[in-house]
């Protein structure tokens, strides 16, 4: 119950006083090296909350079931750094692959788009 009250107070302070969370990503686009089909790729998009309110990531939408994400489920306080992990399964893929990730949050820029690219060589 105490955690719920703390969460509500945090949310109220973030929304009630016009403060906003804001992402700062070290990179928003990443290019993997050429990869053989069947490899499982992983990348971390590191970000910092440079806003004045806790940052809540609500959801990340991807355009392919071959792409999975892992992101912080807890609020990221102002000034804190965290990351979004992306996993890409190249099985059944070949050629140049581009994937966009739409990050839905309470940040000023919503959704925020992240992208990765990779050239997948067809296995023999």
PDB file of N, CA and C in Angstrom:
ATOM      1  N   UNK A   1       0.822  -1.186   0.000  1.00  0.00           N
ATOM      2  CA  UNK A   1       0.000   0.000   0.000  1.00  0.00           C
ATOM      3  C   UNK A   1       0.876   1.263   0.000  1.00  0.00           C
ATOM      4  N   UNK A   2       1.972   1.199   0.768  1.00  0.00           N
ATOM      5  CA  UNK A   2       2.875   2.329   0.846  1.00  0.00           C
ATOM      6  C   UNK A   2       3.494   2.634  -0.524  1.00  0.00           C
ATOM      7  N   UNK A   3       3.798   1.565  -1.305  1.00  0.00           N
ATOM      8  CA  UNK A   3       4.393   1.752  -2.627  1.00  0.00           C
ATOM      9  C   UNK A   3       3.389   2.377  -3.588  1.00  0.00           C
ATOM     10  N   UNK A   4       2.145   1.963  -3.471  1.00  0.00           N
ATOM     11  CA  UNK A   4       1.096   2.526  -4.317  1.00  0.00           C
ATOM     12  C   UNK A   4       0.940   4.016  -4.026  1.00  0.00           C
ATOM     13  N   UNK A   5       0.946   4.375  -2.745  1.00  0.00           N
ATOM     14  CA  UNK A   5       0.825   5.780  -2.370  1.00  0.00           C
ATOM     15  C   UNK A   5       2.010   6.582  -2.894  1.00  0.00           C
ATOM     16  N   UNK A   6       3.212   6.037  -2.778  1.00  0.00           N
ATOM     17  CA  UNK A   6       4.407   6.728  -3.282  1.00  0.00           C
ATOM     18  C   UNK A   6       4.321   6.909  -4.794  1.00  0.00           C
ATOM     19  N   UNK A   7       3.850   5.864  -5.506  1.00  0.00           N
ATOM     20  CA  UNK A   7       3.702   5.939  -6.959  1.00  0.00           C
ATOM     21  C   UNK A   7       2.699   7.023  -7.337  1.00  0.00           C
ATOM     22  N   UNK A   8       1.562   7.069  -6.662  1.00  0.00           N
ATOM     23  CA  UNK A   8       0.523   8.066  -6.956  1.00  0.00           C
ATOM     24  C   UNK A   8       1.058   9.473  -6.698  1.00  0.00           C
ATOM     25  N   UNK A   9       1.794   9.647  -5.608  1.00  0.00           N
ATOM     26  CA  UNK A   9       2.367  10.963  -5.306  1.00  0.00           C
ATOM     27  C   UNK A   9       3.387  11.380  -6.366  1.00  0.00           C
ATOM     28  N   UNK A  10       4.216  10.435  -6.801  1.00  0.00           N
ATOM     29  CA  UNK A  10       5.185  10.728  -7.859  1.00  0.00           C
ATOM     30  C   UNK A  10       4.484  11.132  -9.153  1.00  0.00           C
ATOM     31  N   UNK A  11       3.474  10.355  -9.521  1.00  0.00           N
ATOM     32  CA  UNK A  11       2.733  10.629 -10.746  1.00  0.00           C
ATOM     33  C   UNK A  11       2.027  11.971 -10.650  1.00  0.00           C
ATOM     34  N   UNK A  12       1.429  12.250  -9.512  1.00  0.00           N
ATOM     35  CA  UNK A  12       0.724  13.504  -9.312  1.00  0.00           C
ATOM     36  C   UNK A  12       1.675  14.693  -9.416  1.00  0.00           C
ATOM     37  N   UNK A  13       2.848  14.571  -8.811  1.00  0.00           N
ATOM     38  CA  UNK A  13       3.800  15.682  -8.881  1.00  0.00           C
ATOM     39  C   UNK A  13       4.289  15.878 -10.309  1.00  0.00           C
ATOM     40  N   UNK A  14       4.446  14.791 -11.044  1.00  0.00           N
ATOM     41  CA  UNK A  14       4.916  14.891 -12.431  1.00  0.00           C
ATOM     42  C   UNK A  14       3.882  15.546 -13.324  1.00  0.00           C
ATOM     43  N   UNK A  15       2.619  15.218 -13.107  1.00  0.00           N
ATOM     44  CA  UNK A  15       1.564  15.743 -13.968  1.00  0.00           C
ATOM     45  C   UNK A  15       0.995  17.063 -13.455  1.00  0.00           C
ATOM     46  N   UNK A  16       0.979  17.233 -12.167  1.00  0.00           N
ATOM     47  CA  UNK A  16       0.313  18.378 -11.563  1.00  0.00           C
ATOM     48  C   UNK A  16       1.045  19.691 -11.723  1.00  0.00           C
ATOM     49  N   UNK A  17       2.324  19.701 -11.849  1.00  0.00           N
ATOM     50  CA  UNK A  17       3.071  20.942 -11.894  1.00  0.00           C
ATOM     51  C   UNK A  17       3.647  21.241 -13.265  1.00  0.00           C
ATOM     52  N   UNK A  18       3.214  20.554 -14.286  1.00  0.00           N
ATOM     53  CA  UNK A  18       3.662  20.830 -15.640  1.00  0.00           C
ATOM     54  C   UNK A  18       5.079  20.377 -15.926  1.00  0.00           C
ATOM     55  N   UNK A  19       5.659  19.615 -15.029  1.00  0.00           N
ATOM     56  CA  UNK A  19       6.988  19.088 -15.277  1.00  0.00           C
ATOM     57  C   UNK A  19       6.874  17.968 -16.301  1.00  0.00           C
ATOM     58  N   UNK A  20       7.928  17.763 -17.040  1.00  0.00           N
ATOM     59  CA  UNK A  20       7.904  16.717 -18.060  1.00  0.00           C
ATOM     60  C   UNK A  20       9.192  15.911 -18.023  1.00  0.00           C
ATOM     61  N   UNK A  21       9.045  14.659 -18.379  1.00  0.00           N
ATOM     62  CA  UNK A  21      10.206  13.793 -18.567  1.00  0.00           C
ATOM     63  C   UNK A  21      10.719  14.013 -19.981  1.00  0.00           C
ATOM     64  N   UNK A  22      11.992  13.736 -20.188  1.00  0.00           N
ATOM     65  CA  UNK A  22      12.554  13.919 -21.523  1.00  0.00           C
ATOM     66  C   UNK A  22      13.719  12.950 -21.729  1.00  0.00           C
ATOM     67  N   UNK A  23      13.654  12.220 -22.854  1.00  0.00           N
ATOM     68  CA  UNK A  23      14.717  11.294 -23.228  1.00  0.00           C
ATOM     69  C   UNK A  23      15.915  12.042 -23.793  1.00  0.00           C
ATOM     70  N   UNK A  24      17.107  11.563 -23.485  1.00  0.00           N
ATOM     71  CA  UNK A  24      18.305  11.907 -24.241  1.00  0.00           C
ATOM     72  C   UNK A  24      19.006  10.590 -24.528  1.00  0.00           C
ATOM     73  N   UNK A  25      19.008  10.163 -25.794  1.00  0.00           N
ATOM     74  CA  UNK A  25      19.642   8.917 -26.203  1.00  0.00           C
ATOM     75  C   UNK A  25      21.044   9.200 -26.708  1.00  0.00           C
ATOM     76  N   UNK A  26      21.986   8.333 -26.337  1.00  0.00           N
ATOM     77  CA  UNK A  26      23.340   8.426 -26.876  1.00  0.00           C
ATOM     78  C   UNK A  26      23.302   8.208 -28.387  1.00  0.00           C
ATOM     79  N   UNK A  27      22.379   7.350 -28.844  1.00  0.00           N
ATOM     80  CA  UNK A  27      22.172   7.099 -30.270  1.00  0.00           C
ATOM     81  C   UNK A  27      20.726   6.662 -30.467  1.00  0.00           C
ATOM     82  N   UNK A  28      20.128   7.076 -31.572  1.00  0.00           N
ATOM     83  CA  UNK A  28      18.767   6.649 -31.886  1.00  0.00           C
ATOM     84  C   UNK A  28      18.740   5.694 -33.072  1.00  0.00           C
ATOM     85  N   UNK A  29      19.891   5.552 -33.738  1.00  0.00           N
ATOM     86  CA  UNK A  29      19.999   4.628 -34.866  1.00  0.00           C
ATOM     87  C   UNK A  29      21.290   3.823 -34.712  1.00  0.00           C
ATOM     88  N   UNK A  30      21.182   2.514 -34.945  1.00  0.00           N
ATOM     89  CA  UNK A  30      22.331   1.634 -34.789  1.00  0.00           C
ATOM     90  C   UNK A  30      22.430   0.719 -35.996  1.00  0.00           C
ATOM     91  N   UNK A  31      23.666   0.499 -36.469  1.00  0.00           N
ATOM     92  CA  UNK A  31      23.886  -0.409 -37.594  1.00  0.00           C
ATOM     93  C   UNK A  31      24.746  -1.578 -37.115  1.00  0.00           C
ATOM     94  N   UNK A  32      24.158  -2.772 -37.173  1.00  0.00           N
ATOM     95  CA  UNK A  32      24.895  -3.988 -36.848  1.00  0.00           C
ATOM     96  C   UNK A  32      25.857  -4.306 -37.993  1.00  0.00           C
ATOM     97  N   UNK A  33      26.945  -5.010 -37.715  1.00  0.00           N
ATOM     98  CA  UNK A  33      27.809  -5.473 -38.809  1.00  0.00           C
ATOM     99  C   UNK A  33      27.076  -6.551 -39.615  1.00  0.00           C
ATOM    100  N   UNK A  34      27.570  -6.826 -40.841  1.00  0.00           N
ATOM    101  CA  UNK A  34      26.984  -7.903 -41.652  1.00  0.00           C
ATOM    102  C   UNK A  34      26.893  -9.167 -40.822  1.00  0.00           C
ATOM    103  N   UNK A  35      25.777  -9.848 -40.954  1.00  0.00           N
ATOM    104  CA  UNK A  35      25.489 -10.990 -40.091  1.00  0.00           C
ATOM    105  C   UNK A  35      24.973 -12.159 -40.909  1.00  0.00           C
ATOM    106  N   UNK A  36      25.352 -13.358 -40.514  1.00  0.00           N
ATOM    107  CA  UNK A  36      24.820 -14.581 -41.133  1.00  0.00           C
ATOM    108  C   UNK A  36      23.392 -14.816 -40.658  1.00  0.00           C
ATOM    109  N   UNK A  37      22.547 -15.295 -41.552  1.00  0.00           N
ATOM    110  CA  UNK A  37      21.186 -15.657 -41.188  1.00  0.00           C
ATOM    111  C   UNK A  37      21.225 -16.681 -40.041  1.00  0.00           C
ATOM    112  N   UNK A  38      20.320 -16.523 -39.095  1.00  0.00           N
ATOM    113  CA  UNK A  38      20.244 -17.435 -37.966  1.00  0.00           C
ATOM    114  C   UNK A  38      20.854 -16.879 -36.693  1.00  0.00           C
ATOM    115  N   UNK A  39      21.608 -15.773 -36.813  1.00  0.00           N
ATOM    116  CA  UNK A  39      22.211 -15.142 -35.632  1.00  0.00           C
ATOM    117  C   UNK A  39      21.126 -14.423 -34.821  1.00  0.00           C
ATOM    118  N   UNK A  40      21.353 -14.338 -33.532  1.00  0.00           N
ATOM    119  CA  UNK A  40      20.463 -13.612 -32.628  1.00  0.00           C
ATOM    120  C   UNK A  40      21.226 -12.373 -32.162  1.00  0.00           C
ATOM    121  N   UNK A  41      20.763 -11.190 -32.561  1.00  0.00           N
ATOM    122  CA  UNK A  41      21.472  -9.945 -32.291  1.00  0.00           C
ATOM    123  C   UNK A  41      20.878  -9.215 -31.091  1.00  0.00           C
ATOM    124  N   UNK A  42      21.732  -8.486 -30.393  1.00  0.00           N
ATOM    125  CA  UNK A  42      21.297  -7.732 -29.225  1.00  0.00           C
ATOM    126  C   UNK A  42      21.981  -6.371 -29.225  1.00  0.00           C
ATOM    127  N   UNK A  43      21.229  -5.355 -28.839  1.00  0.00           N
ATOM    128  CA  UNK A  43      21.794  -4.005 -28.714  1.00  0.00           C
ATOM    129  C   UNK A  43      21.077  -3.267 -27.592  1.00  0.00           C
ATOM    130  N   UNK A  44      21.829  -2.404 -26.887  1.00  0.00           N
ATOM    131  CA  UNK A  44      21.263  -1.553 -25.838  1.00  0.00           C
ATOM    132  C   UNK A  44      21.249  -0.103 -26.307  1.00  0.00           C
ATOM    133  N   UNK A  45      20.082   0.517 -26.247  1.00  0.00           N
ATOM    134  CA  UNK A  45      19.956   1.948 -26.493  1.00  0.00           C
ATOM    135  C   UNK A  45      19.986   2.614 -25.116  1.00  0.00           C
ATOM    136  N   UNK A  46      21.089   3.261 -24.798  1.00  0.00           N
ATOM    137  CA  UNK A  46      21.252   3.904 -23.495  1.00  0.00           C
ATOM    138  C   UNK A  46      20.619   5.293 -23.551  1.00  0.00           C
ATOM    139  N   UNK A  47      19.859   5.622 -22.498  1.00  0.00           N
ATOM    140  CA  UNK A  47      19.233   6.939 -22.439  1.00  0.00           C
ATOM    141  C   UNK A  47      19.361   7.523 -21.043  1.00  0.00           C
ATOM    142  N   UNK A  48      19.150   8.833 -20.991  1.00  0.00           N
ATOM    143  CA  UNK A  48      19.126   9.548 -19.720  1.00  0.00           C
ATOM    144  C   UNK A  48      17.844  10.359 -19.679  1.00  0.00           C
ATOM    145  N   UNK A  49      17.214  10.404 -18.519  1.00  0.00           N
ATOM    146  CA  UNK A  49      16.048  11.264 -18.341  1.00  0.00           C
ATOM    147  C   UNK A  49      16.570  12.657 -18.008  1.00  0.00           C
ATOM    148  N   UNK A  50      16.542  13.558 -18.982  1.00  0.00           N
ATOM    149  CA  UNK A  50      17.028  14.914 -18.782  1.00  0.00           C
ATOM    150  C   UNK A  50      15.891  15.879 -18.449  1.00  0.00           C
ATOM    151  N   UNK A  51      14.708  15.317 -18.222  1.00  0.00           N
ATOM    152  CA  UNK A  51      13.564  16.133 -17.856  1.00  0.00           C
ATOM    153  C   UNK A  51      13.509  16.387 -16.365  1.00  0.00           C
ATOM    154  N   UNK A  52      12.391  16.966 -15.927  1.00  0.00           N
ATOM    155  CA  UNK A  52      12.212  17.337 -14.526  1.00  0.00           C
ATOM    156  C   UNK A  52      11.270  16.403 -13.785  1.00  0.00           C
ATOM    157  N   UNK A  53      10.762  15.385 -14.468  1.00  0.00           N
ATOM    158  CA  UNK A  53       9.805  14.458 -13.865  1.00  0.00           C
ATOM    159  C   UNK A  53      10.243  13.025 -14.129  1.00  0.00           C
ATOM    160  N   UNK A  54       9.771  12.079 -13.332  1.00  0.00           N
ATOM    161  CA  UNK A  54      10.087  10.668 -13.590  1.00  0.00           C
ATOM    162  C   UNK A  54       9.593  10.258 -14.978  1.00  0.00           C
ATOM    163  N   UNK A  55      10.374   9.422 -15.641  1.00  0.00           N
ATOM    164  CA  UNK A  55      10.065   8.948 -16.982  1.00  0.00           C
ATOM    165  C   UNK A  55       9.456   7.556 -16.895  1.00  0.00           C
ATOM    166  N   UNK A  56       8.282   7.387 -17.485  1.00  0.00           N
ATOM    167  CA  UNK A  56       7.588   6.102 -17.500  1.00  0.00           C
ATOM    168  C   UNK A  56       7.499   5.607 -18.936  1.00  0.00           C
ATOM    169  N   UNK A  57       8.134   4.491 -19.242  1.00  0.00           N
ATOM    170  CA  UNK A  57       7.979   3.882 -20.567  1.00  0.00           C
ATOM    171  C   UNK A  57       6.755   2.977 -20.474  1.00  0.00           C
ATOM    172  N   UNK A  58       5.771   3.244 -21.316  1.00  0.00           N
ATOM    173  CA  UNK A  58       4.509   2.513 -21.269  1.00  0.00           C
ATOM    174  C   UNK A  58       4.530   1.282 -22.163  1.00  0.00           C
ATOM    175  N   UNK A  59       5.139   1.429 -23.347  1.00  0.00           N
ATOM    176  CA  UNK A  59       5.100   0.353 -24.326  1.00  0.00           C
ATOM    177  C   UNK A  59       6.110   0.660 -25.431  1.00  0.00           C
ATOM    178  N   UNK A  60       6.555  -0.398 -26.105  1.00  0.00           N
ATOM    179  CA  UNK A  60       7.389  -0.238 -27.302  1.00  0.00           C
ATOM    180  C   UNK A  60       6.771  -1.095 -28.395  1.00  0.00           C
ATOM    181  N   UNK A  61       6.440  -0.464 -29.494  1.00  0.00           N
ATOM    182  CA  UNK A  61       5.859  -1.186 -30.627  1.00  0.00           C
ATOM    183  C   UNK A  61       6.926  -1.407 -31.682  1.00  0.00           C
ATOM    184  N   UNK A  62       6.965  -2.640 -32.192  1.00  0.00           N
ATOM    185  CA  UNK A  62       7.894  -3.008 -33.252  1.00  0.00           C
ATOM    186  C   UNK A  62       7.090  -3.528 -34.432  1.00  0.00           C
ATOM    187  N   UNK A  63       7.686  -3.496 -35.621  1.00  0.00           N
ATOM    188  CA  UNK A  63       6.938  -3.881 -36.815  1.00  0.00           C
ATOM    189  C   UNK A  63       7.190  -5.314 -37.253  1.00  0.00           C
ATOM    190  N   UNK A  64       7.762  -6.140 -36.381  1.00  0.00           N
ATOM    191  CA  UNK A  64       8.042  -7.529 -36.758  1.00  0.00           C
ATOM    192  C   UNK A  64       8.135  -8.374 -35.492  1.00  0.00           C
ATOM    193  N   UNK A  65       7.597  -9.575 -35.531  1.00  0.00           N
ATOM    194  CA  UNK A  65       7.672 -10.482 -34.387  1.00  0.00           C
ATOM    195  C   UNK A  65       9.096 -10.979 -34.143  1.00  0.00           C
ATOM    196  N   UNK A  66       9.992 -10.734 -35.086  1.00  0.00           N
ATOM    197  CA  UNK A  66      11.389 -11.148 -34.940  1.00  0.00           C
ATOM    198  C   UNK A  66      12.162 -10.201 -34.026  1.00  0.00           C
ATOM    199  N   UNK A  67      11.541  -9.105 -33.632  1.00  0.00           N
ATOM    200  CA  UNK A  67      12.182  -8.108 -32.782  1.00  0.00           C
ATOM    201  C   UNK A  67      11.491  -8.072 -31.430  1.00  0.00           C
ATOM    202  N   UNK A  68      12.280  -8.217 -30.380  1.00  0.00           N
ATOM    203  CA  UNK A  68      11.774  -8.165 -29.000  1.00  0.00           C
ATOM    204  C   UNK A  68      12.489  -7.040 -28.269  1.00  0.00           C
ATOM    205  N   UNK A  69      11.845  -6.517 -27.245  1.00  0.00           N
ATOM    206  CA  UNK A  69      12.448  -5.451 -26.448  1.00  0.00           C
ATOM    207  C   UNK A  69      12.318  -5.752 -24.966  1.00  0.00           C
ATOM    208  N   UNK A  70      13.200  -5.130 -24.210  1.00  0.00           N
ATOM    209  CA  UNK A  70      13.146  -5.182 -22.757  1.00  0.00           C
ATOM    210  C   UNK A  70      13.455  -3.766 -22.278  1.00  0.00           C
ATOM    211  N   UNK A  71      12.579  -3.216 -21.438  1.00  0.00           N
ATOM    212  CA  UNK A  71      12.755  -1.844 -20.986  1.00  0.00           C
ATOM    213  C   UNK A  71      12.412  -1.733 -19.508  1.00  0.00           C
ATOM    214  N   UNK A  72      12.850  -0.660 -18.847  1.00  0.00           N
ATOM    215  CA  UNK A  72      12.570  -0.518 -17.419  1.00  0.00           C
ATOM    216  C   UNK A  72      11.070  -0.398 -17.160  1.00  0.00           C
ATOM    217  N   UNK A  73      10.597  -1.187 -16.225  1.00  0.00           N
ATOM    218  CA  UNK A  73       9.174  -1.160 -15.864  1.00  0.00           C
ATOM    219  C   UNK A  73       8.919  -0.167 -14.726  1.00  0.00           C
ATOM    220  N   UNK A  74       9.979   0.299 -14.115  1.00  0.00           N
ATOM    221  CA  UNK A  74       9.861   1.249 -13.017  1.00  0.00           C
ATOM    222  C   UNK A  74      10.111   2.657 -13.555  1.00  0.00           C
ATOM    223  N   UNK A  75       9.699   3.680 -12.823  1.00  0.00           N
ATOM    224  CA  UNK A  75       9.989   5.053 -13.256  1.00  0.00           C
ATOM    225  C   UNK A  75      11.493   5.310 -13.267  1.00  0.00           C
ATOM    226  N   UNK A  76      11.952   6.059 -14.247  1.00  0.00           N
ATOM    227  CA  UNK A  76      13.361   6.464 -14.330  1.00  0.00           C
ATOM    228  C   UNK A  76      13.407   7.909 -13.833  1.00  0.00           C
ATOM    229  N   UNK A  77      14.039   8.146 -12.670  1.00  0.00           N
ATOM    230  CA  UNK A  77      14.035   9.495 -12.088  1.00  0.00           C
ATOM    231  C   UNK A  77      14.798  10.511 -12.940  1.00  0.00           C
ATOM    232  N   UNK A  78      14.503  11.789 -12.776  1.00  0.00           N
ATOM    233  CA  UNK A  78      15.266  12.820 -13.477  1.00  0.00           C
ATOM    234  C   UNK A  78      16.759  12.661 -13.197  1.00  0.00           C
ATOM    235  N   UNK A  79      17.568  12.761 -14.237  1.00  0.00           N
ATOM    236  CA  UNK A  79      19.017  12.650 -14.108  1.00  0.00           C
ATOM    237  C   UNK A  79      19.544  11.226 -14.162  1.00  0.00           C
ATOM    238  N   UNK A  80      18.654  10.232 -14.102  1.00  0.00           N
ATOM    239  CA  UNK A  80      19.080   8.827 -14.102  1.00  0.00           C
ATOM    240  C   UNK A  80      19.268   8.311 -15.525  1.00  0.00           C
ATOM    241  N   UNK A  81      20.148   7.315 -15.638  1.00  0.00           N
ATOM    242  CA  UNK A  81      20.435   6.663 -16.910  1.00  0.00           C
ATOM    243  C   UNK A  81      19.933   5.234 -16.860  1.00  0.00           C
ATOM    244  N   UNK A  82      19.396   4.748 -17.975  1.00  0.00           N
ATOM    245  CA  UNK A  82      18.928   3.366 -18.094  1.00  0.00           C
ATOM    246  C   UNK A  82      19.064   2.972 -19.559  1.00  0.00           C
ATOM    247  N   UNK A  83      18.468   1.835 -19.937  1.00  0.00           N
ATOM    248  CA  UNK A  83      18.582   1.421 -21.334  1.00  0.00           C
ATOM    249  C   UNK A  83      17.368   0.616 -21.774  1.00  0.00           C
ATOM    250  N   UNK A  84      17.209   0.572 -23.082  1.00  0.00           N
ATOM    251  CA  UNK A  84      16.221  -0.273 -23.738  1.00  0.00           C
ATOM    252  C   UNK A  84      17.010  -1.323 -24.496  1.00  0.00           C
ATOM    253  N   UNK A  85      16.741  -2.595 -24.201  1.00  0.00           N
ATOM    254  CA  UNK A  85      17.427  -3.685 -24.889  1.00  0.00           C
ATOM    255  C   UNK A  85      16.581  -4.143 -26.068  1.00  0.00           C
ATOM    256  N   UNK A  86      17.256  -4.399 -27.186  1.00  0.00           N
ATOM    257  CA  UNK A  86      16.588  -4.874 -28.391  1.00  0.00           C
ATOM    258  C   UNK A  86      17.227  -6.193 -28.802  1.00  0.00           C
ATOM    259  N   UNK A  87      16.379  -7.155 -29.152  1.00  0.00           N
ATOM    260  CA  UNK A  87      16.823  -8.475 -29.582  1.00  0.00           C
ATOM    261  C   UNK A  87      16.221  -8.734 -30.963  1.00  0.00           C
ATOM    262  N   UNK A  88      17.066  -9.131 -31.911  1.00  0.00           N
ATOM    263  CA  UNK A  88      16.607  -9.361 -33.280  1.00  0.00           C
ATOM    264  C   UNK A  88      17.029 -10.754 -33.724  1.00  0.00           C
ATOM    265  N   UNK A  89      16.047 -11.567 -34.109  1.00  0.00           N
ATOM    266  CA  UNK A  89      16.280 -12.919 -34.589  1.00  0.00           C
ATOM    267  C   UNK A  89      16.353 -12.877 -36.113  1.00  0.00           C
ATOM    268  N   UNK A  90      17.513 -13.208 -36.670  1.00  0.00           N
ATOM    269  CA  UNK A  90      17.701 -13.130 -38.124  1.00  0.00           C
ATOM    270  C   UNK A  90      17.256 -14.403 -38.850  1.00  0.00           C
ATOM    271  N   UNK A  91      16.765 -15.386 -38.114  1.00  0.00           N
ATOM    272  CA  UNK A  91      16.325 -16.634 -38.747  1.00  0.00           C
ATOM    273  C   UNK A  91      15.250 -16.336 -39.793  1.00  0.00           C
ATOM    274  N   UNK A  92      15.476 -16.829 -41.008  1.00  0.00           N
ATOM    275  CA  UNK A  92      14.527 -16.622 -42.097  1.00  0.00           C
ATOM    276  C   UNK A  92      14.629 -15.252 -42.754  1.00  0.00           C
ATOM    277  N   UNK A  93      15.595 -14.467 -42.370  1.00  0.00           N
ATOM    278  CA  UNK A  93      15.773 -13.126 -42.940  1.00  0.00           C
ATOM    279  C   UNK A  93      16.995 -13.116 -43.856  1.00  0.00           C
ATOM    280  N   UNK A  94      16.954 -12.277 -44.877  1.00  0.00           N
ATOM    281  CA  UNK A  94      18.129 -12.062 -45.720  1.00  0.00           C
ATOM    282  C   UNK A  94      18.018 -10.686 -46.357  1.00  0.00           C
ATOM    283  N   UNK A  95      19.172 -10.156 -46.729  1.00  0.00           N
ATOM    284  CA  UNK A  95      19.200  -8.826 -47.314  1.00  0.00           C
ATOM    285  C   UNK A  95      19.250  -7.748 -46.246  1.00  0.00           C
ATOM    286  N   UNK A  96      19.005  -6.521 -46.681  1.00  0.00           N
ATOM    287  CA  UNK A  96      19.085  -5.372 -45.795  1.00  0.00           C
ATOM    288  C   UNK A  96      17.815  -5.279 -44.961  1.00  0.00           C
ATOM    289  N   UNK A  97      17.944  -5.275 -43.650  1.00  0.00           N
ATOM    290  CA  UNK A  97      16.806  -5.225 -42.735  1.00  0.00           C
ATOM    291  C   UNK A  97      16.838  -3.906 -41.966  1.00  0.00           C
ATOM    292  N   UNK A  98      15.702  -3.240 -41.896  1.00  0.00           N
ATOM    293  CA  UNK A  98      15.553  -2.002 -41.121  1.00  0.00           C
ATOM    294  C   UNK A  98      14.347  -2.179 -40.213  1.00  0.00           C
ATOM    295  N   UNK A  99      14.533  -1.900 -38.935  1.00  0.00           N
ATOM    296  CA  UNK A  99      13.435  -2.021 -37.972  1.00  0.00           C
ATOM    297  C   UNK A  99      13.320  -0.733 -37.173  1.00  0.00           C
ATOM    298  N   UNK A 100      12.092  -0.249 -37.052  1.00  0.00           N
ATOM    299  CA  UNK A 100      11.793   0.915 -36.218  1.00  0.00           C
ATOM    300  C   UNK A 100      11.127   0.445 -34.937  1.00  0.00           C
ATOM    301  N   UNK A 101      11.478   1.105 -33.858  1.00  0.00           N
ATOM    302  CA  UNK A 101      10.855   0.857 -32.563  1.00  0.00           C
ATOM    303  C   UNK A 101      10.203   2.160 -32.125  1.00  0.00           C
ATOM    304  N   UNK A 102       8.931   2.113 -31.812  1.00  0.00           N
ATOM    305  CA  UNK A 102       8.198   3.291 -31.330  1.00  0.00           C
ATOM    306  C   UNK A 102       8.083   3.169 -29.822  1.00  0.00           C
ATOM    307  N   UNK A 103       8.733   4.085 -29.106  1.00  0.00           N
ATOM    308  CA  UNK A 103       8.762   4.067 -27.648  1.00  0.00           C
ATOM    309  C   UNK A 103       7.687   5.031 -27.139  1.00  0.00           C
ATOM    310  N   UNK A 104       6.663   4.473 -26.477  1.00  0.00           N
ATOM    311  CA  UNK A 104       5.576   5.268 -25.925  1.00  0.00           C
ATOM    312  C   UNK A 104       5.832   5.502 -24.438  1.00  0.00           C
ATOM    313  N   UNK A 105       5.796   6.777 -24.045  1.00  0.00           N
ATOM    314  CA  UNK A 105       6.130   7.138 -22.673  1.00  0.00           C
ATOM    315  C   UNK A 105       5.428   8.448 -22.308  1.00  0.00           C
ATOM    316  N   UNK A 106       5.791   8.969 -21.155  1.00  0.00           N
ATOM    317  CA  UNK A 106       5.272  10.277 -20.749  1.00  0.00           C
ATOM    318  C   UNK A 106       6.249  11.399 -21.098  1.00  0.00           C
ATOM    319  N   UNK A 107       7.213  11.120 -21.976  1.00  0.00           N
ATOM    320  CA  UNK A 107       8.200  12.122 -22.375  1.00  0.00           C
ATOM    321  C   UNK A 107       7.578  13.163 -23.301  1.00  0.00           C
ATOM    322  N   UNK A 108       8.265  14.297 -23.421  1.00  0.00           N
ATOM    323  CA  UNK A 108       7.793  15.369 -24.303  1.00  0.00           C
ATOM    324  C   UNK A 108       7.603  14.863 -25.726  1.00  0.00           C
ATOM    325  N   UNK A 109       8.609  14.154 -26.254  1.00  0.00           N
ATOM    326  CA  UNK A 109       8.511  13.590 -27.607  1.00  0.00           C
ATOM    327  C   UNK A 109       7.925  12.188 -27.489  1.00  0.00           C
ATOM    328  N   UNK A 110       6.692  12.040 -27.908  1.00  0.00           N
ATOM    329  CA  UNK A 110       5.996  10.770 -27.742  1.00  0.00           C
ATOM    330  C   UNK A 110       5.155  10.473 -28.977  1.00  0.00           C
ATOM    331  N   UNK A 111       5.407   9.365 -29.672  1.00  0.00           N
ATOM    332  CA  UNK A 111       6.432   8.367 -29.381  1.00  0.00           C
ATOM    333  C   UNK A 111       7.807   8.816 -29.869  1.00  0.00           C
ATOM    334  N   UNK A 112       8.813   8.218 -29.286  1.00  0.00           N
ATOM    335  CA  UNK A 112      10.210   8.415 -29.706  1.00  0.00           C
ATOM    336  C   UNK A 112      10.565   7.233 -30.595  1.00  0.00           C
ATOM    337  N   UNK A 113      11.190   7.491 -31.736  1.00  0.00           N
ATOM    338  CA  UNK A 113      11.533   6.422 -32.668  1.00  0.00           C
ATOM    339  C   UNK A 113      13.007   6.063 -32.578  1.00  0.00           C
ATOM    340  N   UNK A 114      13.250   4.776 -32.415  1.00  0.00           N
ATOM    341  CA  UNK A 114      14.605   4.225 -32.474  1.00  0.00           C
ATOM    342  C   UNK A 114      14.657   3.325 -33.697  1.00  0.00           C
ATOM    343  N   UNK A 115      15.845   3.140 -34.263  1.00  0.00           N
ATOM    344  CA  UNK A 115      15.967   2.338 -35.488  1.00  0.00           C
ATOM    345  C   UNK A 115      17.257   1.546 -35.455  1.00  0.00           C
ATOM    346  N   UNK A 116      17.190   0.345 -36.039  1.00  0.00           N
ATOM    347  CA  UNK A 116      18.435  -0.388 -36.290  1.00  0.00           C
ATOM    348  C   UNK A 116      18.398  -0.957 -37.693  1.00  0.00           C
ATOM    349  N   UNK A 117      19.606  -1.199 -38.209  1.00  0.00           N
ATOM    350  CA  UNK A 117      19.788  -1.730 -39.561  1.00  0.00           C
ATOM    351  C   UNK A 117      20.784  -2.873 -39.491  1.00  0.00           C
ATOM    352  N   UNK A 118      20.609  -3.822 -40.384  1.00  0.00           N
ATOM    353  CA  UNK A 118      21.570  -4.913 -40.486  1.00  0.00           C
ATOM    354  C   UNK A 118      21.456  -5.553 -41.866  1.00  0.00           C
ATOM    355  N   UNK A 119      22.590  -5.936 -42.420  1.00  0.00           N
ATOM    356  CA  UNK A 119      22.593  -6.713 -43.667  1.00  0.00           C
ATOM    357  C   UNK A 119      22.769  -8.177 -43.277  1.00  0.00           C
ATOM    358  N   UNK A 120      21.768  -8.991 -43.599  1.00  0.00           N
ATOM    359  CA  UNK A 120      21.790 -10.405 -43.247  1.00  0.00           C
ATOM    360  C   UNK A 120      22.156 -11.219 -44.478  1.00  0.00           C
ATOM    361  N   UNK A 121      23.255 -11.994 -44.354  1.00  0.00           N
ATOM    362  CA  UNK A 121      23.685 -12.852 -45.453  1.00  0.00           C
ATOM    363  C   UNK A 121      22.944 -14.179 -45.336  1.00  0.00           C
ATOM    364  N   UNK A 122      22.314 -14.587 -46.416  1.00  0.00           N
ATOM    365  CA  UNK A 122      21.566 -15.840 -46.448  1.00  0.00           C
ATOM    366  C   UNK A 122      22.528 -17.013 -46.189  1.00  0.00           C
ATOM    367  N   UNK A 123      22.118 -17.888 -45.274  1.00  0.00           N
ATOM    368  CA  UNK A 123      22.983 -19.063 -45.008  1.00  0.00           C
ATOM    369  C   UNK A 123      22.806 -20.079 -46.122  1.00  0.00           C
ATOM    370  N   UNK A 124      23.833 -20.880 -46.311  1.00  0.00           N
ATOM    371  CA  UNK A 124      23.817 -21.832 -47.421  1.00  0.00           C
ATOM    372  C   UNK A 124      23.200 -23.143 -47.023  1.00  0.00           C
TER     373      UNK A 124
END
